[in-house]
Protein backbone atom coordinates (compact mmCIF):
# COMPACT_ATOMS: atom_id res chain seq x y z
CA MET A 1 114.52 97.98 124.86
CA LYS A 2 113.03 94.52 124.43
CA ILE A 3 114.70 91.73 126.43
CA ILE A 4 114.78 88.30 124.71
CA GLU A 5 115.67 85.35 126.88
CA VAL A 6 117.37 82.21 125.63
CA SER A 7 118.06 79.01 127.55
CA THR A 8 121.82 78.96 127.53
CA GLN A 9 124.71 81.37 127.25
CA SER A 10 125.86 79.64 124.04
CA GLU A 11 122.63 80.61 122.26
CA ILE A 12 123.02 84.35 122.72
CA SER A 13 125.20 85.12 119.68
CA SER A 14 123.15 83.09 117.17
CA LYS A 15 119.88 84.55 118.48
CA GLN A 16 121.31 88.07 118.38
CA GLU A 17 122.36 87.56 114.74
CA GLU A 18 119.04 86.02 113.77
CA LEU A 19 117.02 88.88 115.30
CA SER A 20 119.31 91.53 113.90
CA THR A 21 118.80 90.21 110.41
CA LYS A 22 115.02 90.00 110.82
CA VAL A 23 114.77 93.51 112.34
CA ALA A 24 116.85 94.95 109.47
CA ALA A 25 114.70 93.18 106.85
CA TYR A 26 111.48 94.44 108.51
CA GLN A 27 112.83 98.01 108.75
CA ALA A 28 113.82 97.89 105.02
CA ALA A 29 110.38 96.63 104.13
CA GLN A 30 108.78 99.47 106.09
CA ALA A 31 110.94 102.02 104.27
CA HIS A 32 110.03 100.43 100.91
CA GLN A 33 106.32 100.54 101.81
CA LEU A 34 106.55 104.22 102.78
CA GLU A 35 108.32 105.16 99.57
CA ASN A 36 106.21 103.00 97.20
CA GLY A 37 102.88 102.52 98.94
CA GLY A 38 101.07 99.28 99.16
CA PRO A 39 100.37 97.00 102.12
CA GLY A 40 102.56 97.25 105.21
CA PRO A 41 105.19 94.57 105.85
CA VAL A 42 104.47 91.48 107.91
CA ALA A 43 106.80 89.81 110.39
CA ASP A 44 106.69 87.78 113.60
CA TYR A 45 105.06 89.59 116.46
CA ASP A 46 108.34 89.87 118.40
CA ILE A 47 110.07 91.52 115.39
CA MET A 48 107.22 93.98 114.92
CA GLU A 49 107.28 94.80 118.60
CA ILE A 50 111.02 95.35 118.65
CA VAL A 51 110.85 97.72 115.69
CA ASN A 52 107.56 99.55 116.36
CA GLU A 53 107.61 99.76 120.18
CA HIS A 54 111.34 99.66 121.01
CA ASN A 55 112.85 101.51 118.08
CA GLY A 56 114.69 98.42 116.94
CA GLU A 57 116.49 98.01 120.26
CA PHE A 58 116.79 94.65 121.88
CA GLN A 59 119.08 92.59 124.05
CA VAL A 60 119.49 88.85 124.20
CA VAL A 61 120.18 87.38 127.64
CA ALA A 62 120.46 83.89 129.07
CA LYS A 63 117.76 82.84 131.51
CA GLN A 64 118.80 82.90 135.11
CA GLN A 65 118.68 79.41 136.48
CA GLU A 66 117.57 79.29 140.06
CA GLU A 67 119.78 77.31 142.35
CA PRO A 68 118.09 74.99 144.77
CA VAL A 69 117.54 76.33 148.22
CA GLU A 70 118.97 74.05 150.92
């Protein structure tokens, strides 16, 4: 599973939705290419990595902000 970090907790849902849409589109393009031939689909590296190396599984988390040490 690929872990994607975002800056704030409020960004998680929008990033999750964005990545889910892109992963689904890339997987559909792969299936189309397998059925019909032609060149393979192209996507951002992160999307290709999620699909090809992590079976489409990813999780979006907020970065841990370190608290200052006193």
